[in-house]
Amino acid sequence: INAEYMGADIISFLSQDTTIQPGTLILTGTPAGVGFTRDPPVYLAPGDHVRAGIQGFGELNNHVVSS
């Protein structure tokens, strides 16, 4: 799935009955191909590093630890 093209479709759909303001975050859920769908499944483990970012905005960095 090419998420680059999905964004415009999602924004178009949501804006039909919702005013989308600057700074609005649109969360889309878990994409195909993530860990639990692999064979064998792959999950986050202590010591892993998760980074999510928005170009021109910044990054969120998290280190996975045991509970």
Protein backbone atom coordinates (compact mmCIF):
# COMPACT_ATOMS: atom_id res chain seq x y z
CA ILE A 1 0.00 0.00 0.00
CA ASN A 2 1.39 3.41 -0.90
CA ALA A 3 0.34 5.60 2.03
CA GLU A 4 1.46 8.73 0.19
CA TYR A 5 -1.62 8.54 -2.03
CA MET A 6 -4.01 7.44 0.70
CA GLY A 7 -3.61 10.71 2.63
CA ALA A 8 -5.46 12.85 0.10
CA ASP A 9 -8.33 10.34 -0.05
CA ILE A 10 -8.63 10.28 3.75
CA ILE A 11 -8.60 14.08 3.99
CA SER A 12 -11.17 14.34 1.19
CA PHE A 13 -13.48 11.86 2.93
CA LEU A 14 -13.17 13.43 6.39
CA SER A 15 -13.61 16.99 5.12
CA GLN A 16 -17.02 16.18 3.63
CA ASP A 17 -18.65 16.75 7.02
CA THR A 18 -15.81 17.91 9.28
CA THR A 19 -13.80 21.11 9.28
CA ILE A 20 -10.15 20.14 9.35
CA GLN A 21 -8.08 22.80 11.11
CA PRO A 22 -4.33 23.38 10.80
CA GLY A 23 -2.64 21.04 13.26
CA THR A 24 -5.37 18.39 13.11
CA LEU A 25 -3.90 14.91 13.51
CA ILE A 26 -5.52 12.11 11.53
CA LEU A 27 -4.61 8.69 12.91
CA THR A 28 -5.21 5.82 10.52
CA GLY A 29 -4.44 2.70 12.52
CA THR A 30 -2.14 -0.19 11.82
CA PRO A 31 -1.05 -0.75 8.21
CA ALA A 32 -0.74 -4.16 6.59
CA GLY A 33 2.64 -5.84 6.94
CA VAL A 34 3.20 -5.05 10.60
CA GLY A 35 4.62 -7.55 13.07
CA PHE A 36 1.60 -9.64 14.01
CA THR A 37 0.81 -10.41 10.35
CA ARG A 38 4.29 -11.80 9.63
CA ASP A 39 5.08 -15.50 9.66
CA PRO A 40 6.40 -15.93 12.30
CA PRO A 41 4.97 -12.87 14.09
CA VAL A 42 7.44 -10.14 15.11
CA TYR A 43 6.69 -7.98 18.15
CA LEU A 44 8.41 -5.07 19.86
CA ALA A 45 10.87 -6.17 22.54
CA PRO A 46 12.80 -4.45 25.32
CA GLY A 47 15.69 -2.55 23.79
CA ASP A 48 13.85 -1.73 20.55
CA HIS A 49 13.63 1.89 19.46
CA VAL A 50 10.49 3.35 17.84
CA ARG A 51 10.71 6.64 15.95
CA ALA A 52 7.83 8.45 14.25
CA GLY A 53 8.21 11.80 12.57
CA ILE A 54 6.56 14.43 10.46
CA GLN A 55 8.86 16.24 8.06
CA GLY A 56 9.23 19.88 9.05
CA PHE A 57 7.53 19.27 12.40
CA GLY A 58 9.62 16.91 14.50
CA GLU A 59 10.04 13.38 15.78
CA LEU A 60 8.72 11.27 18.63
CA ASN A 61 11.30 8.77 19.92
CA ASN A 62 10.53 5.94 22.34
CA HIS A 63 12.66 3.14 23.73
CA VAL A 64 10.84 -0.10 24.53
CA VAL A 65 11.36 -1.35 28.11
CA SER A 66 9.97 -4.35 29.96
CA SER A 67 6.95 -3.77 32.18
